[in-house]
Amino acid sequence: MSAWQAMIPDPVESPAQPSKRLGFSFGYRFFLFLLVGLLWLVPAFLDHRFAYAMLAWDLLLFAAWAADLLSLPKPHELCIRRSWMAPLALSVSSQAKISVLNNSKSALHLHILDALPPSLRTEPPELKMVVAPGHEAEAEYSIQPRKRGTAAASQVYLRYEGPFRTAQRWAVADLPQQLTIYPNLHEAKRQAVYLVRSRQIALEKRFSRIRGAGRAFESLREYQDGDDFGDICWTATARRGKLVTRLYELEKSQTIWIVLDTGRLMRTRVASLSKLDHAVNAALALCQVALFTGDRVGLLAYARTIRQRIPAQRGSSHLRQFLEALAVTREDEWEADHLQAATQLMRVQKRRSLVVWITDLAETAMTPEVIEAVAKLLPRHLVLFVVIGQPDLRVAASLRPANVSQMYQVSAAQEVIHRRDLLLARLRERGALAVEADSGDLAPVLVNSYLAIKQKSQL
């Protein structure tokens, strides 16, 4: 079974049970025939004996209804199954299917309502189908999850009628499911062009030897004009009696840590998704590319406490673990503890690595705590500090004010942007790679920055 298929929820099925309510009702044809009986009222104005004919018609109709009700199969003769066509991913449309197996000896007309949570669909889907005796019928409906995490699907409600459709029974099938809603899987797939570029990088790592560019020792050779004096191996020179220089190659595998801020600032919604949702989708795309190149990728998601911590590893099974952790990462209503996250990362990662820190900056006159936290990592690690921008802020800053009120708004927006630019410039002066990206461009910016770091051997 492929990793994609393993993420599809397993189908569940159960026989129907009688509804806890009355359990039966009248079909639409009953009311149609009842309306036809009212036509006896027209001649009843001339002769009251026609009123008895109308009463007889109604009694006959109720008798036919009772006979039709008794002929309907019991609920346990119907088997209901819910199955899913694809993994559930944030903002990605997919299909689900309801199947009904009719073990009775009569054809049935069914009206089905699947009680899905609002996070999967704004309104519960309603389906109609006709099932022949001893056969199975199915109907599909679409869903589009609006929140990551877990969701619980519960009961399926049925109303079914026989061929005459004057009586109907109510039933319910208990189909409990705990569903995992993953990040936007299609966003990572759209990075195919970057995967091609990363394949080229992997080939370069395997076949090319770039003198002095990497950190991993490759071999020794006799000194040549233009070699760096710092690469001379003096012990080998003493043994051979001539200058010998070291050759280096790009490291076969490096360590990438994705640090994800899940504090209150990441609750801001941009284009119908929170900033954290955009960050999670971008982190998944980066993880896929980094694992493809052979690097080890770790995750540290934090708020007031550490929410998720996955050790840096590689392989397809690690991608699945990464995906499961991102699926249940949610925003917090409190300010995140950035210093604690930096301390935790310094504790678990001793060797130099690339730290991709995705966050947002608080609008304050003081230096945000996250800047101080990143500064703690710079002596040991290479930090790619990514701030999620606010598109409407730059739009407001570029407006031409028409009155005094708009002038204050434009000035405030320009001041906020200027302050953020100064903070990022200060980080760049200290050795960090600091960028600001809009939510829609976050994944390409992350992947391109990562590939540029790999190509330049900055790590």
Protein backbone atom coordinates (compact mmCIF):
# COMPACT_ATOMS: atom_id res chain seq x y z
CA MET A 1 0.00 0.00 0.00
CA SER A 2 1.39 3.42 -0.97
CA ALA A 3 1.76 6.26 1.54
CA TRP A 4 -1.01 8.16 -0.28
CA GLN A 5 -3.46 5.27 0.07
CA ALA A 6 -2.49 4.76 3.70
CA MET A 7 -3.75 8.27 4.50
CA ILE A 8 -7.22 7.54 3.12
CA PRO A 9 -9.62 6.79 6.02
CA ASP A 10 -10.76 3.20 6.21
CA PRO A 11 -14.38 2.56 5.16
CA VAL A 12 -16.86 1.76 7.93
CA GLU A 13 -20.14 -0.10 7.65
CA SER A 14 -22.96 -1.09 9.94
CA PRO A 15 -26.51 -2.44 9.70
CA ALA A 16 -29.22 0.14 10.16
CA GLN A 17 -31.17 0.34 13.40
CA PRO A 18 -34.65 1.63 14.18
CA SER A 19 -34.79 5.32 14.88
CA LYS A 20 -35.25 6.31 18.50
CA ARG A 21 -38.15 8.52 17.45
CA LEU A 22 -41.49 7.26 16.19
CA GLY A 23 -39.76 5.22 13.50
CA PHE A 24 -42.31 5.61 10.68
CA SER A 25 -44.16 8.31 8.80
CA PHE A 26 -46.28 9.04 5.75
CA GLY A 27 -44.88 9.11 2.22
CA TYR A 28 -45.51 11.93 -0.20
CA ARG A 29 -47.99 9.83 -2.20
CA PHE A 30 -50.17 9.40 0.89
CA PHE A 31 -50.75 13.15 1.02
CA LEU A 32 -51.30 13.20 -2.74
CA PHE A 33 -54.06 10.56 -2.47
CA LEU A 34 -55.46 12.39 0.55
CA LEU A 35 -55.72 15.54 -1.53
CA VAL A 36 -57.51 13.57 -4.25
CA GLY A 37 -60.07 12.46 -1.63
CA LEU A 38 -60.94 16.08 -0.96
CA LEU A 39 -62.55 16.20 -4.39
CA TRP A 40 -65.53 14.41 -2.80
CA LEU A 41 -66.31 17.69 -1.07
CA VAL A 42 -67.51 19.23 -4.35
CA PRO A 43 -70.57 16.94 -4.81
CA ALA A 44 -71.01 16.87 -1.00
CA PHE A 45 -72.37 20.43 -1.21
CA LEU A 46 -75.30 19.03 -3.21
CA ASP A 47 -75.71 15.74 -1.41
CA HIS A 48 -74.23 15.12 2.05
CA ARG A 49 -74.00 11.38 1.35
CA PHE A 50 -70.88 12.07 -0.72
CA ALA A 51 -69.20 13.02 2.57
CA TYR A 52 -69.46 9.36 3.60
CA ALA A 53 -67.77 8.43 0.33
CA MET A 54 -64.91 10.75 1.23
CA LEU A 55 -64.67 9.12 4.67
CA ALA A 56 -64.57 5.69 3.08
CA TRP A 57 -61.84 6.85 0.75
CA ASP A 58 -59.78 8.08 3.70
CA LEU A 59 -60.27 4.80 5.62
CA LEU A 60 -59.21 2.85 2.55
CA LEU A 61 -56.17 5.09 2.15
CA PHE A 62 -55.12 4.57 5.80
CA ALA A 63 -55.54 0.80 5.35
CA ALA A 64 -53.35 0.91 2.25
CA TRP A 65 -50.80 2.96 4.17
CA ALA A 66 -50.75 0.44 7.02
CA ALA A 67 -50.31 -2.45 4.59
CA ASP A 68 -47.49 -0.61 2.83
CA LEU A 69 -45.82 0.10 6.18
CA LEU A 70 -45.97 -3.56 7.22
CA SER A 71 -44.46 -4.62 3.89
CA LEU A 72 -41.40 -2.40 4.39
CA PRO A 73 -38.29 -4.35 5.48
CA LYS A 74 -36.88 -4.00 8.98
CA PRO A 75 -33.95 -1.59 9.36
CA HIS A 76 -31.46 -4.39 10.11
CA GLU A 77 -31.96 -5.70 6.54
CA LEU A 78 -30.11 -2.62 5.24
CA CYS A 79 -26.31 -2.37 5.50
CA ILE A 80 -24.79 1.11 5.23
CA ARG A 81 -21.13 1.83 4.36
CA ARG A 82 -19.24 5.12 4.22
CA SER A 83 -15.97 5.25 2.28
CA TRP A 84 -13.57 8.00 1.20
CA MET A 85 -11.98 8.48 -2.20
CA ALA A 86 -8.86 10.41 -1.14
CA PRO A 87 -7.06 11.71 1.97
CA LEU A 88 -8.73 14.66 3.66
CA ALA A 89 -6.65 17.80 3.14
CA LEU A 90 -7.22 21.43 4.06
CA SER A 91 -9.12 23.41 1.38
CA VAL A 92 -8.90 20.48 -1.07
CA SER A 93 -12.13 19.11 -2.52
CA SER A 94 -12.53 15.34 -2.40
CA GLN A 95 -15.31 12.79 -2.63
CA ALA A 96 -16.98 10.50 -0.12
CA LYS A 97 -19.40 7.68 -0.90
CA ILE A 98 -22.40 6.14 0.85
CA SER A 99 -23.29 2.58 -0.16
CA VAL A 100 -26.50 0.74 0.81
CA LEU A 101 -26.93 -3.02 0.55
CA ASN A 102 -30.59 -4.06 0.41
CA ASN A 103 -30.99 -7.59 1.82
CA SER A 104 -34.80 -7.47 1.62
CA LYS A 105 -37.13 -8.71 -1.14
CA SER A 106 -38.55 -5.34 -2.18
CA ALA A 107 -37.21 -2.33 -3.99
CA LEU A 108 -36.62 0.72 -1.82
CA HIS A 109 -36.46 4.46 -2.34
CA LEU A 110 -34.00 5.99 0.15
CA HIS A 111 -33.36 9.50 1.38
CA ILE A 112 -30.03 9.65 3.26
CA LEU A 113 -28.47 12.34 5.45
CA ASP A 114 -24.84 11.96 6.59
CA ALA A 115 -24.19 13.86 9.84
CA LEU A 116 -20.73 15.27 9.04
CA PRO A 117 -19.09 17.94 11.23
CA PRO A 118 -19.02 21.56 9.96
CA SER A 119 -15.22 21.39 9.55
CA LEU A 120 -15.74 19.00 6.63
CA ARG A 121 -18.82 20.51 5.03
CA THR A 122 -20.98 23.54 5.79
CA GLU A 123 -24.22 21.54 5.45
CA PRO A 124 -24.77 17.79 5.91
CA PRO A 125 -25.03 16.05 2.53
CA GLU A 126 -28.45 14.69 1.52
CA LEU A 127 -28.57 11.82 -0.96
CA LYS A 128 -31.33 9.95 -2.79
CA MET A 129 -31.08 6.52 -4.34
CA VAL A 130 -33.16 3.52 -5.41
CA VAL A 131 -31.98 0.05 -4.35
CA ALA A 132 -33.27 -3.11 -6.00
CA PRO A 133 -33.92 -6.17 -3.80
CA GLY A 134 -30.70 -8.05 -3.04
CA HIS A 135 -28.56 -5.37 -4.69
CA GLU A 136 -26.30 -2.51 -3.63
CA ALA A 137 -26.52 1.15 -4.63
CA GLU A 138 -24.18 4.04 -3.93
CA ALA A 139 -24.07 7.82 -4.15
CA GLU A 140 -21.21 10.28 -3.82
CA TYR A 141 -20.94 13.76 -2.36
CA SER A 142 -18.13 16.30 -2.16
CA ILE A 143 -16.38 17.69 0.91
CA GLN A 144 -13.87 20.51 1.41
CA PRO A 145 -12.29 20.63 4.89
CA ARG A 146 -11.90 24.05 6.42
CA LYS A 147 -9.75 23.15 9.44
CA ARG A 148 -6.75 20.95 10.00
CA GLY A 149 -6.66 18.44 12.82
CA THR A 150 -9.13 15.76 13.74
CA ALA A 151 -12.85 15.56 13.05
CA ALA A 152 -15.48 13.04 14.11
CA ALA A 153 -18.03 11.67 11.66
CA SER A 154 -20.98 9.98 13.31
CA GLN A 155 -24.38 8.69 12.25
CA VAL A 156 -26.12 8.30 8.90
CA TYR A 157 -29.89 8.85 8.95
CA LEU A 158 -32.25 7.05 6.56
CA ARG A 159 -35.82 7.41 5.38
CA TYR A 160 -36.92 4.63 3.03
CA GLU A 161 -40.13 3.85 1.16
CA GLY A 162 -41.49 0.87 -0.78
CA PRO A 163 -42.72 0.81 -4.40
CA PHE A 164 -46.07 2.43 -3.50
CA ARG A 165 -44.34 5.22 -1.53
CA THR A 166 -47.28 5.84 0.80
CA ALA A 167 -45.43 4.81 3.98
CA GLN A 168 -41.86 5.27 5.09
CA ARG A 169 -39.64 4.05 7.88
CA TRP A 170 -36.90 5.93 9.67
CA ALA A 171 -33.61 4.32 10.56
CA VAL A 172 -30.11 5.25 11.63
CA ALA A 173 -26.72 3.63 11.04
CA ASP A 174 -23.97 4.26 13.57
CA LEU A 175 -20.76 4.87 11.59
CA PRO A 176 -18.32 6.58 14.01
CA GLN A 177 -14.99 7.67 12.53
CA GLN A 178 -12.07 9.74 13.77
CA LEU A 179 -10.77 11.54 10.69
CA THR A 180 -7.45 13.33 10.27
CA ILE A 181 -7.46 16.46 8.12
CA TYR A 182 -3.99 16.95 6.68
CA PRO A 183 -2.36 20.12 5.37
CA ASN A 184 -2.82 21.02 1.74
CA LEU A 185 -1.21 18.01 0.05
CA HIS A 186 -1.64 19.48 -3.43
CA GLU A 187 0.45 22.50 -2.45
CA ALA A 188 3.47 20.24 -1.97
CA LYS A 189 2.75 18.45 -5.24
CA ARG A 190 2.81 21.77 -7.08
CA GLN A 191 6.48 22.09 -6.18
CA ALA A 192 7.45 19.60 -8.92
CA VAL A 193 9.73 22.16 -10.58
CA TYR A 194 11.64 22.52 -7.35
CA LEU A 195 11.93 18.76 -7.04
CA VAL A 196 13.60 18.71 -10.47
CA ARG A 197 16.05 21.33 -9.31
CA SER A 198 16.73 19.42 -6.09
CA ARG A 199 17.44 16.31 -8.16
CA GLN A 200 20.11 18.28 -9.99
CA ILE A 201 21.58 19.28 -6.65
CA ALA A 202 21.64 15.66 -5.54
CA LEU A 203 23.51 14.69 -8.71
CA GLU A 204 25.99 17.50 -8.17
CA LYS A 205 26.58 16.31 -4.62
CA ARG A 206 27.20 12.80 -5.87
CA PHE A 207 29.50 13.45 -8.81
CA SER A 208 31.10 16.86 -8.46
CA ARG A 209 33.93 17.79 -6.10
CA ILE A 210 33.98 21.49 -5.36
CA ARG A 211 37.27 22.49 -3.80
CA GLY A 212 36.80 24.33 -0.53
CA ALA A 213 33.03 24.65 -1.00
CA GLY A 214 31.94 21.88 1.29
CA ARG A 215 32.93 20.76 4.75
CA ALA A 216 33.24 17.00 4.25
CA PHE A 217 36.81 15.71 3.61
CA GLU A 218 37.10 13.92 0.24
CA SER A 219 40.80 13.25 -0.55
CA LEU A 220 44.39 14.58 -0.65
CA ARG A 221 46.38 15.68 -3.68
CA GLU A 222 49.53 17.60 -4.48
CA TYR A 223 49.30 21.35 -4.03
CA GLN A 224 48.50 23.35 -7.17
CA ASP A 225 48.65 27.04 -7.91
CA GLY A 226 45.49 28.78 -6.72
CA ASP A 227 44.77 26.38 -3.85
CA ASP A 228 43.86 27.95 -0.54
CA PHE A 229 46.78 27.89 1.93
CA GLY A 230 44.26 27.09 4.64
CA ASP A 231 43.54 23.76 2.94
CA ILE A 232 47.15 22.55 3.14
CA CYS A 233 47.49 19.37 5.20
CA TRP A 234 50.77 19.93 7.07
CA THR A 235 51.02 16.43 8.48
CA ALA A 236 50.80 14.88 5.01
CA THR A 237 53.23 17.56 3.71
CA ALA A 238 55.78 16.56 6.36
CA ARG A 239 55.49 12.88 5.47
CA ARG A 240 55.77 13.36 1.69
CA GLY A 241 58.21 16.22 1.67
CA LYS A 242 56.04 18.36 -0.60
CA LEU A 243 52.96 20.49 -0.23
CA VAL A 244 49.71 18.47 -0.03
CA THR A 245 46.28 20.04 -0.01
CA ARG A 246 42.92 18.70 1.13
CA LEU A 247 39.95 18.36 -1.21
CA TYR A 248 36.43 18.79 0.15
CA GLU A 249 33.04 17.84 -1.18
CA LEU A 250 29.53 18.89 -0.37
CA GLU A 251 28.08 17.05 2.58
CA LYS A 252 26.05 13.96 1.72
CA SER A 253 23.39 14.81 4.26
CA GLN A 254 22.68 17.91 6.28
CA THR A 255 20.24 18.67 9.04
CA ILE A 256 17.27 20.99 8.54
CA TRP A 257 15.08 22.11 11.43
CA ILE A 258 11.71 23.74 10.74
CA VAL A 259 10.68 25.88 13.71
CA LEU A 260 7.00 26.76 13.59
CA ASP A 261 5.46 29.51 15.70
CA THR A 262 1.87 28.60 16.65
CA GLY A 263 1.18 31.55 18.95
CA ARG A 264 -1.62 34.09 18.77
CA LEU A 265 -0.03 36.11 15.95
CA MET A 266 -0.42 33.11 13.67
CA ARG A 267 -4.21 33.16 14.14
CA THR A 268 -4.54 36.07 11.70
CA ARG A 269 -6.51 35.00 8.65
CA VAL A 270 -5.29 35.77 5.15
CA ALA A 271 -7.24 34.58 2.10
CA SER A 272 -9.65 32.48 4.22
CA LEU A 273 -6.81 30.59 5.96
CA SER A 274 -4.86 31.40 9.08
CA LYS A 275 -1.20 32.34 8.83
CA LEU A 276 -0.40 29.06 10.56
CA ASP A 277 -2.24 27.15 7.81
CA HIS A 278 -0.10 28.88 5.18
CA ALA A 279 3.02 28.16 7.25
CA VAL A 280 2.10 24.49 7.62
CA ASN A 281 1.55 24.09 3.87
CA ALA A 282 4.91 25.74 3.17
CA ALA A 283 6.67 23.60 5.80
CA LEU A 284 5.29 20.46 4.20
CA ALA A 285 6.56 21.52 0.76
CA LEU A 286 9.99 22.29 2.18
CA CYS A 287 10.11 18.99 4.05
CA GLN A 288 9.30 17.06 0.90
CA VAL A 289 12.05 18.77 -1.11
CA ALA A 290 14.65 18.46 1.67
CA LEU A 291 13.95 14.76 2.20
CA PHE A 292 14.19 14.21 -1.55
CA THR A 293 17.71 15.68 -1.58
CA GLY A 294 18.75 13.34 1.24
CA ASP A 295 18.78 15.83 4.10
CA ARG A 296 17.48 15.09 7.57
CA VAL A 297 14.46 17.21 8.56
CA GLY A 298 13.18 17.91 12.06
CA LEU A 299 10.17 19.82 13.34
CA LEU A 300 9.73 22.03 16.38
CA ALA A 301 6.26 23.59 16.77
CA TYR A 302 5.80 25.75 19.84
CA ALA A 303 3.45 28.17 21.59
CA ARG A 304 3.59 28.69 25.35
CA THR A 305 5.03 25.18 25.43
CA ILE A 306 6.55 22.85 22.88
CA ARG A 307 3.62 21.42 20.90
CA GLN A 308 5.41 19.09 18.49
CA ARG A 309 9.01 17.90 18.32
CA ILE A 310 10.13 15.39 15.70
CA PRO A 311 13.81 14.42 15.61
CA ALA A 312 15.68 15.15 12.40
CA GLN A 313 15.53 12.04 10.23
CA ARG A 314 15.03 11.13 6.59
CA GLY A 315 12.99 8.67 4.55
CA SER A 316 9.41 8.26 3.34
CA SER A 317 8.23 6.99 6.74
CA HIS A 318 9.58 10.18 8.30
CA LEU A 319 7.55 12.27 5.82
CA ARG A 320 4.40 10.49 7.00
CA GLN A 321 5.29 11.22 10.63
CA PHE A 322 5.95 14.84 9.70
CA LEU A 323 2.60 15.06 7.96
CA GLU A 324 0.72 13.59 10.92
CA ALA A 325 2.31 16.12 13.29
CA LEU A 326 1.50 19.09 11.04
CA ALA A 327 -2.11 17.92 10.74
CA VAL A 328 -2.79 18.34 14.46
CA THR A 329 -0.77 21.54 14.98
CA ARG A 330 -3.22 24.29 15.98
CA GLU A 331 -2.99 27.97 16.84
CA ASP A 332 -2.78 29.10 20.46
CA GLU A 333 -4.57 32.11 21.91
CA TRP A 334 -1.52 33.18 23.93
CA GLU A 335 1.79 34.73 22.98
CA ALA A 336 4.42 32.12 22.10
CA ASP A 337 7.52 31.57 24.24
CA HIS A 338 10.26 32.04 21.63
CA LEU A 339 13.19 31.86 24.02
CA GLN A 340 12.04 28.47 25.29
CA ALA A 341 11.89 27.19 21.70
CA ALA A 342 15.43 28.42 21.01
CA THR A 343 16.73 26.83 24.21
CA GLN A 344 15.06 23.52 23.37
CA LEU A 345 16.53 23.53 19.87
CA MET A 346 20.03 24.30 21.18
CA ARG A 347 19.68 21.37 23.56
CA VAL A 348 18.61 18.77 20.98
CA GLN A 349 20.77 19.97 18.04
CA LYS A 350 24.43 20.32 18.99
CA ARG A 351 25.92 20.32 15.50
CA ARG A 352 25.55 23.13 13.00
CA SER A 353 22.32 22.94 10.99
CA LEU A 354 19.93 25.05 8.95
CA VAL A 355 17.09 26.41 11.07
CA VAL A 356 14.05 27.62 9.12
CA TRP A 357 12.07 29.74 11.58
CA ILE A 358 8.55 30.69 10.39
CA THR A 359 6.80 33.32 12.49
CA ASP A 360 5.29 36.80 12.54
CA LEU A 361 6.40 39.98 14.28
CA ALA A 362 4.42 41.77 16.95
CA GLU A 363 3.76 45.45 16.26
CA THR A 364 5.58 46.94 19.24
CA ALA A 365 8.16 49.67 19.79
CA MET A 366 10.37 47.20 21.67
CA THR A 367 12.48 44.53 20.02
CA PRO A 368 10.27 41.40 19.71
CA GLU A 369 11.32 38.43 21.77
CA VAL A 370 11.55 36.23 18.68
CA ILE A 371 14.43 38.40 17.38
CA GLU A 372 16.35 37.77 20.61
CA ALA A 373 15.57 34.03 20.39
CA VAL A 374 16.92 33.83 16.84
CA ALA A 375 20.06 35.73 17.89
CA LYS A 376 20.84 32.94 20.39
CA LEU A 377 21.02 30.43 17.54
CA LEU A 378 23.25 32.43 15.18
CA PRO A 379 26.66 31.55 16.70
CA ARG A 380 26.02 27.84 16.08
CA HIS A 381 23.40 27.52 13.33
CA LEU A 382 22.50 29.09 10.01
CA VAL A 383 19.05 30.64 10.46
CA LEU A 384 16.57 31.33 7.66
CA PHE A 385 14.14 33.68 9.40
CA VAL A 386 10.83 33.94 7.50
CA VAL A 387 8.16 36.47 8.44
CA ILE A 388 4.68 36.09 6.98
CA GLY A 389 3.67 39.45 5.55
CA GLN A 390 0.29 41.14 5.61
CA PRO A 391 -0.77 42.08 2.03
CA ASP A 392 -3.37 44.63 3.11
CA LEU A 393 -0.73 46.44 5.17
CA ARG A 394 1.42 47.18 2.13
CA VAL A 395 -1.66 48.16 0.14
CA ALA A 396 -2.62 50.63 2.88
CA ALA A 397 0.93 52.02 2.95
CA SER A 398 0.92 52.67 -0.80
CA LEU A 399 -2.37 54.60 -0.86
CA ARG A 400 -2.52 58.31 -1.48
CA PRO A 401 -4.49 59.81 1.43
CA ALA A 402 -7.54 61.88 0.55
CA ASN A 403 -8.13 63.34 4.01
CA VAL A 404 -6.54 63.66 7.42
CA SER A 405 -7.92 60.36 8.71
CA GLN A 406 -6.48 58.43 5.77
CA MET A 407 -3.18 60.26 6.18
CA TYR A 408 -2.83 58.89 9.72
CA GLN A 409 -3.70 55.38 8.53
CA VAL A 410 -1.16 55.49 5.69
CA SER A 411 1.51 56.89 8.03
CA ALA A 412 0.86 54.15 10.59
CA ALA A 413 1.09 51.44 7.92
CA GLN A 414 4.35 52.88 6.57
CA GLU A 415 5.81 53.06 10.07
CA VAL A 416 4.95 49.42 10.77
CA ILE A 417 6.53 48.29 7.49
CA HIS A 418 9.64 50.41 8.16
CA ARG A 419 10.00 48.93 11.65
CA ARG A 420 9.72 45.39 10.31
CA ASP A 421 12.32 46.13 7.61
CA LEU A 422 14.72 47.48 10.25
CA LEU A 423 14.32 44.35 12.39
CA LEU A 424 15.01 42.08 9.43
CA ALA A 425 18.00 44.18 8.38
CA ARG A 426 19.39 43.94 11.92
CA LEU A 427 19.14 40.15 11.74
CA ARG A 428 20.91 40.09 8.37
CA GLU A 429 23.77 42.11 9.86
CA ARG A 430 24.20 39.42 12.50
CA GLY A 431 24.41 36.63 9.91
CA ALA A 432 20.81 35.43 9.56
CA LEU A 433 18.99 35.06 6.26
CA ALA A 434 15.86 37.11 6.92
CA VAL A 435 13.02 37.41 4.42
CA GLU A 436 9.40 38.54 4.45
CA ALA A 437 6.96 36.67 2.22
CA ASP A 438 3.26 36.98 1.53
CA SER A 439 1.17 33.98 2.51
CA GLY A 440 0.55 32.93 -1.10
CA ASP A 441 4.27 33.01 -1.94
CA LEU A 442 5.49 31.39 1.26
CA ALA A 443 6.13 27.89 -0.09
CA PRO A 444 8.12 29.02 -3.19
CA VAL A 445 10.16 31.45 -1.08
CA LEU A 446 11.06 28.73 1.42
CA VAL A 447 11.99 26.15 -1.19
CA ASN A 448 13.95 28.60 -3.35
CA SER A 449 15.86 29.91 -0.32
CA TYR A 450 16.67 26.39 0.80
CA LEU A 451 17.92 25.38 -2.66
CA ALA A 452 20.01 28.55 -2.91
CA ILE A 453 21.65 27.72 0.43
CA LYS A 454 22.41 24.22 -0.82
CA GLN A 455 23.89 25.46 -4.10
CA LYS A 456 26.12 28.05 -2.38
CA SER A 457 27.17 25.60 0.38
CA GLN A 458 26.35 28.21 2.99
CA LEU A 459 25.64 25.56 5.59
